[in-house]
Amino acid sequence: MNQFLSLLIGEKVTIKQVIPNDSTRIAAEGSLLITDIVVEFEDGALADIEIQKIGYAFPGERSACYSADLLLRQYKRVREKQRGQKGKFSYKNIKNVYTIVIFEKSPMEIRMLENRYIHKSFWGFDTGLKMNLLQNFIFIALDIFRKNMENKTVENELDAWLMFFASEEPERIIELIESYPGFREIYRDIYEICLNMEKVMGMYSKELQELDRNTVQYMIDEMQETIDAQKQALNEQSETIKSQAQIISEQKRQYEELLRRVEKLEEK
């Protein structure tokens, strides 16, 4: 991955660590994301790397929001670090942030440029002013890459990485391994994961079974609470009905007594 990111960014980078992706999400988006990780480079720069199965609408606006969130995280990390070292805060210590989005099926804005599959942002001013604005965007369209690579061989290492991400065709995989033997180990690791998938799924099924059992018990408990509440309400209604019946009975007795008095008065 270090090699891929270095080729993509255009300078040597080394991943120091993968950090929790706690960025603020505007909406629940897990259904279209294949993966979403945030990594820190050795120089302190941050990169948010997404692989999207289908490109989201408004990719520019969306990426800008997440980049701003990533830059704010970078700012907070620098402030906390310098506060711990009792040093004076300086904006020069804030490093670049990269928003890297890989599309399996790219959005319309990118598909319009059907012959270009890697898009890198650049910041500039109409006066020629040079200034580092820290936020960098890289969009990769795997669907356009596949289309452009039909009946073509991989000619460089970056395209080899894109072919690794883009293709599951056995012929392409064999071609890739023969031309770039370093991918053999990666495919072997993937193969080992697939072999262990049944065991992993078995463990997962047990977890699901336990979860289902807990869920059923929770539902039973909730239902029992509902039944108890309804029973209590019925008992209260029954007591109310009894009380009302007693009142009606007393009113009936009083009415009958009044009738008897009226009859006696009439006789007199």
C-alpha atoms as a PDB file:
ATOM      1  CA  MET A   1       0.000   0.000   0.000  1.00  0.00           C
ATOM      2  CA  ASN A   2       2.929   2.358   0.703  1.00  0.00           C
ATOM      3  CA  GLN A   3       4.130   1.829  -2.849  1.00  0.00           C
ATOM      4  CA  PHE A   4       0.682   2.424  -4.345  1.00  0.00           C
ATOM      5  CA  LEU A   5       0.140   5.637  -2.382  1.00  0.00           C
ATOM      6  CA  SER A   6       3.642   6.889  -3.226  1.00  0.00           C
ATOM      7  CA  LEU A   7       2.998   6.343  -6.940  1.00  0.00           C
ATOM      8  CA  LEU A   8      -0.412   7.965  -6.670  1.00  0.00           C
ATOM      9  CA  ILE A   9       0.642  11.032  -4.682  1.00  0.00           C
ATOM     10  CA  GLY A  10       3.875  11.476  -6.608  1.00  0.00           C
ATOM     11  CA  GLU A  11       6.253  11.390  -3.654  1.00  0.00           C
ATOM     12  CA  LYS A  12       7.460   8.720  -1.270  1.00  0.00           C
ATOM     13  CA  VAL A  13       5.097   8.199   1.658  1.00  0.00           C
ATOM     14  CA  THR A  14       5.129   5.615   4.441  1.00  0.00           C
ATOM     15  CA  ILE A  15       2.081   4.659   6.462  1.00  0.00           C
ATOM     16  CA  LYS A  16       2.819   5.093  10.153  1.00  0.00           C
ATOM     17  CA  GLN A  17      -0.508   3.868  11.469  1.00  0.00           C
ATOM     18  CA  VAL A  18      -4.167   3.370  10.678  1.00  0.00           C
ATOM     19  CA  ILE A  19      -6.217   5.628  12.937  1.00  0.00           C
ATOM     20  CA  PRO A  20      -9.901   5.381  13.903  1.00  0.00           C
ATOM     21  CA  ASN A  21     -12.175   6.909  11.314  1.00  0.00           C
ATOM     22  CA  ASP A  22     -14.347   9.013  13.598  1.00  0.00           C
ATOM     23  CA  SER A  23     -15.070  11.741  11.072  1.00  0.00           C
ATOM     24  CA  THR A  24     -18.550  13.246  11.217  1.00  0.00           C
ATOM     25  CA  ARG A  25     -20.791  11.639   8.635  1.00  0.00           C
ATOM     26  CA  ILE A  26     -23.585  13.643   7.108  1.00  0.00           C
ATOM     27  CA  ALA A  27     -25.698  10.539   6.525  1.00  0.00           C
ATOM     28  CA  ALA A  28     -25.486   6.779   6.950  1.00  0.00           C
ATOM     29  CA  GLU A  29     -23.493   5.674   3.904  1.00  0.00           C
ATOM     30  CA  GLY A  30     -22.191   2.213   4.697  1.00  0.00           C
ATOM     31  CA  SER A  31     -24.253   0.541   1.966  1.00  0.00           C
ATOM     32  CA  LEU A  32     -22.189   1.988  -0.906  1.00  0.00           C
ATOM     33  CA  LEU A  33     -18.779   1.957   0.757  1.00  0.00           C
ATOM     34  CA  ILE A  34     -16.516  -1.054   0.270  1.00  0.00           C
ATOM     35  CA  THR A  35     -13.867   0.331   2.583  1.00  0.00           C
ATOM     36  CA  ASP A  36     -13.066   3.611   4.313  1.00  0.00           C
ATOM     37  CA  ILE A  37      -9.841   4.007   6.313  1.00  0.00           C
ATOM     38  CA  VAL A  38      -7.787   6.912   7.606  1.00  0.00           C
ATOM     39  CA  VAL A  39      -4.004   6.541   7.701  1.00  0.00           C
ATOM     40  CA  GLU A  40      -1.243   8.707   9.096  1.00  0.00           C
ATOM     41  CA  PHE A  41       2.020   9.055   7.196  1.00  0.00           C
ATOM     42  CA  GLU A  42       5.459   9.298   8.780  1.00  0.00           C
ATOM     43  CA  ASP A  43       5.532  13.059   8.233  1.00  0.00           C
ATOM     44  CA  GLY A  44       2.201  13.489  10.047  1.00  0.00           C
ATOM     45  CA  ALA A  45       0.025  13.926   6.940  1.00  0.00           C
ATOM     46  CA  LEU A  46      -3.394  12.229   6.962  1.00  0.00           C
ATOM     47  CA  ALA A  47      -5.158  10.405   4.154  1.00  0.00           C
ATOM     48  CA  ASP A  48      -8.773   9.265   3.994  1.00  0.00           C
ATOM     49  CA  ILE A  49      -8.967   6.364   1.516  1.00  0.00           C
ATOM     50  CA  GLU A  50     -12.393   5.274   0.292  1.00  0.00           C
ATOM     51  CA  ILE A  51     -13.442   2.604  -2.168  1.00  0.00           C
ATOM     52  CA  GLN A  52     -17.008   3.160  -3.333  1.00  0.00           C
ATOM     53  CA  LYS A  53     -19.015   0.492  -5.125  1.00  0.00           C
ATOM     54  CA  ILE A  54     -21.201   3.170  -6.711  1.00  0.00           C
ATOM     55  CA  GLY A  55     -20.188   6.816  -6.747  1.00  0.00           C
ATOM     56  CA  TYR A  56     -22.261   9.064  -4.507  1.00  0.00           C
ATOM     57  CA  ALA A  57     -24.107  12.067  -5.869  1.00  0.00           C
ATOM     58  CA  PHE A  58     -22.341  15.418  -5.497  1.00  0.00           C
ATOM     59  CA  PRO A  59     -18.873  13.828  -5.164  1.00  0.00           C
ATOM     60  CA  GLY A  60     -17.080  17.182  -5.090  1.00  0.00           C
ATOM     61  CA  GLU A  61     -19.194  18.703  -2.328  1.00  0.00           C
ATOM     62  CA  ARG A  62     -19.116  15.474  -0.337  1.00  0.00           C
ATOM     63  CA  SER A  63     -15.341  15.111  -0.608  1.00  0.00           C
ATOM     64  CA  ALA A  64     -14.845  18.760   0.330  1.00  0.00           C
ATOM     65  CA  CYS A  65     -16.821  18.216   3.547  1.00  0.00           C
ATOM     66  CA  TYR A  66     -14.814  15.136   4.508  1.00  0.00           C
ATOM     67  CA  SER A  67     -11.547  16.853   3.624  1.00  0.00           C
ATOM     68  CA  ALA A  68     -12.482  19.772   5.869  1.00  0.00           C
ATOM     69  CA  ASP A  69     -13.259  17.303   8.642  1.00  0.00           C
ATOM     70  CA  LEU A  70      -9.882  15.600   8.099  1.00  0.00           C
ATOM     71  CA  LEU A  71      -8.062  18.946   8.182  1.00  0.00           C
ATOM     72  CA  LEU A  72      -9.797  19.827  11.446  1.00  0.00           C
ATOM     73  CA  ARG A  73      -8.653  16.514  12.915  1.00  0.00           C
ATOM     74  CA  GLN A  74      -5.106  17.305  11.800  1.00  0.00           C
ATOM     75  CA  TYR A  75      -5.357  20.714  13.466  1.00  0.00           C
ATOM     76  CA  LYS A  76      -6.634  19.212  16.737  1.00  0.00           C
ATOM     77  CA  ARG A  77      -3.891  16.553  16.749  1.00  0.00           C
ATOM     78  CA  VAL A  78      -1.180  19.192  16.333  1.00  0.00           C
ATOM     79  CA  ARG A  79      -2.695  21.408  19.037  1.00  0.00           C
ATOM     80  CA  GLU A  80      -2.925  18.516  21.499  1.00  0.00           C
ATOM     81  CA  LYS A  81       0.606  17.356  20.758  1.00  0.00           C
ATOM     82  CA  GLN A  82       2.113  20.811  21.205  1.00  0.00           C
ATOM     83  CA  ARG A  83       0.050  21.410  24.333  1.00  0.00           C
ATOM     84  CA  GLY A  84       1.480  18.198  25.795  1.00  0.00           C
ATOM     85  CA  GLN A  85       4.993  19.323  24.944  1.00  0.00           C
ATOM     86  CA  LYS A  86       4.241  22.834  26.225  1.00  0.00           C
ATOM     87  CA  GLY A  87       5.273  24.232  22.884  1.00  0.00           C
ATOM     88  CA  LYS A  88       3.874  27.217  21.039  1.00  0.00           C
ATOM     89  CA  PHE A  89       1.319  26.367  18.400  1.00  0.00           C
ATOM     90  CA  SER A  90       2.282  27.078  14.798  1.00  0.00           C
ATOM     91  CA  TYR A  91       0.267  26.491  11.652  1.00  0.00           C
ATOM     92  CA  LYS A  92       3.441  25.394   9.871  1.00  0.00           C
ATOM     93  CA  ASN A  93       3.229  22.124  11.829  1.00  0.00           C
ATOM     94  CA  ILE A  94      -0.072  21.191  10.192  1.00  0.00           C
ATOM     95  CA  LYS A  95       0.590  18.714   7.390  1.00  0.00           C
ATOM     96  CA  ASN A  96      -1.250  17.854   4.194  1.00  0.00           C
ATOM     97  CA  VAL A  97      -4.495  15.925   4.141  1.00  0.00           C
ATOM     98  CA  TYR A  98      -5.445  13.693   1.229  1.00  0.00           C
ATOM     99  CA  THR A  99      -8.938  12.574   0.255  1.00  0.00           C
ATOM    100  CA  ILE A 100      -8.518   9.581  -2.046  1.00  0.00           C
ATOM    101  CA  VAL A 101     -11.687   8.111  -3.535  1.00  0.00           C
ATOM    102  CA  ILE A 102     -11.638   4.986  -5.712  1.00  0.00           C
ATOM    103  CA  PHE A 103     -14.849   4.383  -7.644  1.00  0.00           C
ATOM    104  CA  GLU A 104     -15.886   0.964  -8.948  1.00  0.00           C
ATOM    105  CA  LYS A 105     -18.645   2.740 -10.836  1.00  0.00           C
ATOM    106  CA  SER A 106     -17.852   6.407 -11.132  1.00  0.00           C
ATOM    107  CA  PRO A 107     -20.404   9.254 -10.895  1.00  0.00           C
ATOM    108  CA  MET A 108     -21.619  11.138 -13.961  1.00  0.00           C
ATOM    109  CA  GLU A 109     -19.206  14.068 -13.513  1.00  0.00           C
ATOM    110  CA  ILE A 110     -16.237  11.706 -13.898  1.00  0.00           C
ATOM    111  CA  ARG A 111     -17.733   9.493 -16.602  1.00  0.00           C
ATOM    112  CA  MET A 112     -17.998  12.533 -18.855  1.00  0.00           C
ATOM    113  CA  LEU A 113     -14.174  12.434 -19.162  1.00  0.00           C
ATOM    114  CA  GLU A 114     -14.166   8.920 -20.561  1.00  0.00           C
ATOM    115  CA  ASN A 115     -10.458   8.838 -21.433  1.00  0.00           C
ATOM    116  CA  ARG A 116      -9.137   9.961 -18.026  1.00  0.00           C
ATOM    117  CA  TYR A 117      -9.335   7.735 -14.974  1.00  0.00           C
ATOM    118  CA  ILE A 118      -7.052   9.502 -12.450  1.00  0.00           C
ATOM    119  CA  HIS A 119      -7.946  13.029 -11.386  1.00  0.00           C
ATOM    120  CA  LYS A 120      -5.690  14.998  -9.037  1.00  0.00           C
ATOM    121  CA  SER A 121      -6.647  18.384  -7.673  1.00  0.00           C
ATOM    122  CA  PHE A 122      -4.301  21.355  -7.659  1.00  0.00           C
ATOM    123  CA  TRP A 123      -4.604  24.751  -5.997  1.00  0.00           C
ATOM    124  CA  GLY A 124      -3.660  27.914  -7.786  1.00  0.00           C
ATOM    125  CA  PHE A 125      -4.297  31.646  -7.916  1.00  0.00           C
ATOM    126  CA  ASP A 126      -4.845  33.817 -10.959  1.00  0.00           C
ATOM    127  CA  THR A 127      -1.885  35.968  -9.868  1.00  0.00           C
ATOM    128  CA  GLY A 128       0.581  33.085  -9.686  1.00  0.00           C
ATOM    129  CA  LEU A 129       0.664  33.249  -5.894  1.00  0.00           C
ATOM    130  CA  LYS A 130       2.242  30.110  -4.416  1.00  0.00           C
ATOM    131  CA  MET A 131       0.643  28.905  -1.182  1.00  0.00           C
ATOM    132  CA  ASN A 132       0.140  25.491   0.410  1.00  0.00           C
ATOM    133  CA  LEU A 133      -3.565  25.095   1.155  1.00  0.00           C
ATOM    134  CA  LEU A 134      -3.052  21.561   2.542  1.00  0.00           C
ATOM    135  CA  GLN A 135      -6.164  19.892   1.089  1.00  0.00           C
ATOM    136  CA  ASN A 136      -5.564  17.418  -1.744  1.00  0.00           C
ATOM    137  CA  PHE A 137      -8.063  15.326  -3.694  1.00  0.00           C
ATOM    138  CA  ILE A 138      -7.464  12.278  -5.872  1.00  0.00           C
ATOM    139  CA  PHE A 139     -10.319  10.527  -7.693  1.00  0.00           C
ATOM    140  CA  ILE A 140      -9.791   7.180  -9.457  1.00  0.00           C
ATOM    141  CA  ALA A 141     -12.404   5.696 -11.808  1.00  0.00           C
ATOM    142  CA  LEU A 142     -11.862   1.940 -12.068  1.00  0.00           C
ATOM    143  CA  ASP A 143     -14.693   1.487 -14.590  1.00  0.00           C
ATOM    144  CA  ILE A 144     -13.067   3.953 -16.987  1.00  0.00           C
ATOM    145  CA  PHE A 145      -9.660   2.368 -16.354  1.00  0.00           C
ATOM    146  CA  ARG A 146     -11.022  -1.082 -17.295  1.00  0.00           C
ATOM    147  CA  LYS A 147     -12.582   0.325 -20.451  1.00  0.00           C
ATOM    148  CA  ASN A 148      -9.352   2.054 -21.459  1.00  0.00           C
ATOM    149  CA  MET A 149      -7.286  -1.077 -20.765  1.00  0.00           C
ATOM    150  CA  GLU A 150      -9.320  -3.391 -23.009  1.00  0.00           C
ATOM    151  CA  ASN A 151      -6.927  -5.288 -25.307  1.00  0.00           C
ATOM    152  CA  LYS A 152      -3.983  -3.424 -23.749  1.00  0.00           C
ATOM    153  CA  THR A 153      -1.160  -4.586 -21.526  1.00  0.00           C
ATOM    154  CA  VAL A 154      -0.145  -2.919 -18.281  1.00  0.00           C
ATOM    155  CA  GLU A 155       2.766  -0.601 -18.987  1.00  0.00           C
ATOM    156  CA  ASN A 156       3.618   0.888 -15.578  1.00  0.00           C
ATOM    157  CA  GLU A 157       3.471   0.100 -11.892  1.00  0.00           C
ATOM    158  CA  LEU A 158       0.635   2.479 -11.059  1.00  0.00           C
ATOM    159  CA  ASP A 159      -1.568   0.905 -13.734  1.00  0.00           C
ATOM    160  CA  ALA A 160      -0.578  -2.483 -12.303  1.00  0.00           C
ATOM    161  CA  TRP A 161      -2.004  -1.449  -8.949  1.00  0.00           C
ATOM    162  CA  LEU A 162      -5.178  -0.171 -10.602  1.00  0.00           C
ATOM    163  CA  MET A 163      -5.506  -3.478 -12.457  1.00  0.00           C
ATOM    164  CA  PHE A 164      -5.145  -5.243  -9.106  1.00  0.00           C
ATOM    165  CA  PHE A 165      -8.073  -3.229  -7.743  1.00  0.00           C
ATOM    166  CA  ALA A 166     -10.148  -3.311 -10.923  1.00  0.00           C
ATOM    167  CA  SER A 167      -9.991  -6.813 -12.369  1.00  0.00           C
ATOM    168  CA  GLU A 168     -10.957 -10.305 -11.217  1.00  0.00           C
ATOM    169  CA  GLU A 169     -10.327 -11.947 -14.586  1.00  0.00           C
ATOM    170  CA  PRO A 170      -7.915 -14.916 -14.257  1.00  0.00           C
ATOM    171  CA  GLU A 171      -6.078 -13.936 -17.437  1.00  0.00           C
ATOM    172  CA  ARG A 172      -5.442 -10.426 -16.136  1.00  0.00           C
ATOM    173  CA  ILE A 173      -4.328 -11.753 -12.739  1.00  0.00           C
ATOM    174  CA  ILE A 174      -1.830 -14.159 -14.372  1.00  0.00           C
ATOM    175  CA  GLU A 175      -0.556 -11.368 -16.613  1.00  0.00           C
ATOM    176  CA  LEU A 176      -0.158  -9.088 -13.616  1.00  0.00           C
ATOM    177  CA  ILE A 177       1.754 -11.657 -11.555  1.00  0.00           C
ATOM    178  CA  GLU A 178       4.055 -12.496 -14.445  1.00  0.00           C
ATOM    179  CA  SER A 179       4.871  -8.844 -15.121  1.00  0.00           C
ATOM    180  CA  TYR A 180       4.942  -7.724 -11.477  1.00  0.00           C
ATOM    181  CA  PRO A 181       5.828 -10.701  -9.212  1.00  0.00           C
ATOM    182  CA  GLY A 182       5.308  -8.604  -6.074  1.00  0.00           C
ATOM    183  CA  PHE A 183       1.551  -9.074  -6.432  1.00  0.00           C
ATOM    184  CA  ARG A 184       1.916 -12.843  -6.020  1.00  0.00           C
ATOM    185  CA  GLU A 185       2.216 -12.493  -2.241  1.00  0.00           C
ATOM    186  CA  ILE A 186      -0.817 -10.190  -2.093  1.00  0.00           C
ATOM    187  CA  TYR A 187      -2.957 -12.646  -4.029  1.00  0.00           C
ATOM    188  CA  ARG A 188      -1.685 -15.468  -1.790  1.00  0.00           C
ATOM    189  CA  ASP A 189      -2.814 -13.537   1.285  1.00  0.00           C
ATOM    190  CA  ILE A 190      -6.234 -13.019  -0.295  1.00  0.00           C
ATOM    191  CA  TYR A 191      -6.406 -16.742  -1.078  1.00  0.00           C
ATOM    192  CA  GLU A 192      -5.597 -17.614   2.550  1.00  0.00           C
ATOM    193  CA  ILE A 193      -8.347 -15.289   3.730  1.00  0.00           C
ATOM    194  CA  CYS A 194     -10.799 -17.012   1.374  1.00  0.00           C
ATOM    195  CA  LEU A 195      -9.757 -20.451   2.688  1.00  0.00           C
ATOM    196  CA  ASN A 196     -10.428 -19.363   6.250  1.00  0.00           C
ATOM    197  CA  MET A 197     -13.683 -17.635   5.351  1.00  0.00           C
ATOM    198  CA  GLU A 198     -15.790 -20.709   6.212  1.00  0.00           C
ATOM    199  CA  LYS A 199     -14.286 -20.810   9.709  1.00  0.00           C
ATOM    200  CA  VAL A 200     -14.733 -17.074  10.085  1.00  0.00           C
ATOM    201  CA  MET A 201     -18.349 -17.329   8.930  1.00  0.00           C
ATOM    202  CA  GLY A 202     -18.888 -20.202  11.376  1.00  0.00           C
ATOM    203  CA  MET A 203     -17.711 -18.017  14.231  1.00  0.00           C
ATOM    204  CA  TYR A 204     -19.825 -15.198  12.884  1.00  0.00           C
ATOM    205  CA  SER A 205     -22.859 -17.487  12.696  1.00  0.00           C
ATOM    206  CA  LYS A 206     -22.454 -18.371  16.382  1.00  0.00           C
ATOM    207  CA  GLU A 207     -22.325 -14.690  17.199  1.00  0.00           C
ATOM    208  CA  LEU A 208     -25.424 -14.125  15.097  1.00  0.00           C
ATOM    209  CA  GLN A 209     -27.152 -17.033  16.799  1.00  0.00           C
ATOM    210  CA  GLU A 210     -26.409 -15.557  20.212  1.00  0.00           C
ATOM    211  CA  LEU A 211     -27.504 -12.152  18.986  1.00  0.00           C
ATOM    212  CA  ASP A 212     -30.754 -13.618  17.671  1.00  0.00           C
ATOM    213  CA  ARG A 213     -31.350 -15.386  20.985  1.00  0.00           C
ATOM    214  CA  ASN A 214     -30.782 -12.173  22.896  1.00  0.00           C
ATOM    215  CA  THR A 215     -33.010 -10.296  20.487  1.00  0.00           C
ATOM    216  CA  VAL A 216     -35.827 -12.820  20.869  1.00  0.00           C
ATOM    217  CA  GLN A 217     -35.533 -12.647  24.655  1.00  0.00           C
ATOM    218  CA  TYR A 218     -35.598  -8.864  24.463  1.00  0.00           C
ATOM    219  CA  MET A 219     -38.722  -9.008  22.316  1.00  0.00           C
ATOM    220  CA  ILE A 220     -40.369 -11.452  24.763  1.00  0.00           C
ATOM    221  CA  ASP A 221     -39.512  -9.178  27.676  1.00  0.00           C
ATOM    222  CA  GLU A 222     -40.930  -6.193  25.842  1.00  0.00           C
ATOM    223  CA  MET A 223     -44.074  -8.165  24.958  1.00  0.00           C
ATOM    224  CA  GLN A 224     -44.477  -9.287  28.577  1.00  0.00           C
ATOM    225  CA  GLU A 225     -44.164  -5.700  29.736  1.00  0.00           C
ATOM    226  CA  THR A 226     -46.836  -4.733  27.222  1.00  0.00           C
ATOM    227  CA  ILE A 227     -49.098  -7.569  28.409  1.00  0.00           C
ATOM    228  CA  ASP A 228     -48.567  -6.602  32.047  1.00  0.00           C
ATOM    229  CA  ALA A 229     -49.350  -2.976  31.246  1.00  0.00           C
ATOM    230  CA  GLN A 230     -52.507  -3.999  29.360  1.00  0.00           C
ATOM    231  CA  LYS A 231     -53.541  -6.297  32.209  1.00  0.00           C
ATOM    232  CA  GLN A 232     -53.080  -3.502  34.710  1.00  0.00           C
ATOM    233  CA  ALA A 233     -55.099  -1.178  32.498  1.00  0.00           C
ATOM    234  CA  LEU A 234     -57.877  -3.782  32.255  1.00  0.00           C
ATOM    235  CA  ASN A 235     -57.884  -4.239  36.017  1.00  0.00           C
ATOM    236  CA  GLU A 236     -58.136  -0.489  36.483  1.00  0.00           C
ATOM    237  CA  GLN A 237     -60.976  -0.371  33.950  1.00  0.00           C
ATOM    238  CA  SER A 238     -62.700  -3.248  35.764  1.00  0.00           C
ATOM    239  CA  GLU A 239     -62.457  -1.404  39.064  1.00  0.00           C
ATOM    240  CA  THR A 240     -63.845   1.699  37.379  1.00  0.00           C
ATOM    241  CA  ILE A 241     -66.743  -0.305  35.931  1.00  0.00           C
ATOM    242  CA  LYS A 242     -67.490  -1.820  39.334  1.00  0.00           C
ATOM    243  CA  SER A 243     -67.434   1.612  40.930  1.00  0.00           C
ATOM    244  CA  GLN A 244     -69.726   2.994  38.243  1.00  0.00           C
ATOM    245  CA  ALA A 245     -72.076  -0.015  38.667  1.00  0.00           C
ATOM    246  CA  GLN A 246     -72.305   0.668  42.370  1.00  0.00           C
ATOM    247  CA  ILE A 247     -73.105   4.311  41.688  1.00  0.00           C
ATOM    248  CA  ILE A 248     -75.782   3.332  39.162  1.00  0.00           C
ATOM    249  CA  SER A 249     -77.223   0.787  41.582  1.00  0.00           C
ATOM    250  CA  GLU A 250     -77.375   3.398  44.344  1.00  0.00           C
ATOM    251  CA  GLN A 251     -78.973   5.893  41.968  1.00  0.00           C
ATOM    252  CA  LYS A 252     -81.537   3.245  40.932  1.00  0.00           C
ATOM    253  CA  ARG A 253     -82.343   2.512  44.602  1.00  0.00           C
ATOM    254  CA  GLN A 254     -82.788   6.209  45.299  1.00  0.00           C
ATOM    255  CA  TYR A 255     -85.005   6.571  42.214  1.00  0.00           C
ATOM    256  CA  GLU A 256     -87.197   3.634  43.264  1.00  0.00           C
ATOM    257  CA  GLU A 257     -87.480   5.068  46.772  1.00  0.00           C
ATOM    258  CA  LEU A 258     -88.521   8.388  45.296  1.00  0.00           C
ATOM    259  CA  LEU A 259     -91.201   6.667  43.180  1.00  0.00           C
ATOM    260  CA  ARG A 260     -92.628   4.941  46.231  1.00  0.00           C
ATOM    261  CA  ARG A 261     -92.857   8.273  48.057  1.00  0.00           C
ATOM    262  CA  VAL A 262     -94.602   9.849  45.080  1.00  0.00           C
ATOM    263  CA  GLU A 263     -97.110   6.985  44.943  1.00  0.00           C
ATOM    264  CA  LYS A 264     -97.879   7.348  48.655  1.00  0.00           C
ATOM    265  CA  LEU A 265     -98.387  11.067  48.239  1.00  0.00           C
ATOM    266  CA  GLU A 266    -100.757  10.422  45.356  1.00  0.00           C
ATOM    267  CA  GLU A 267    -102.776   7.946  47.459  1.00  0.00           C
ATOM    268  CA  LYS A 268    -103.169  10.523  50.187  1.00  0.00           C
END
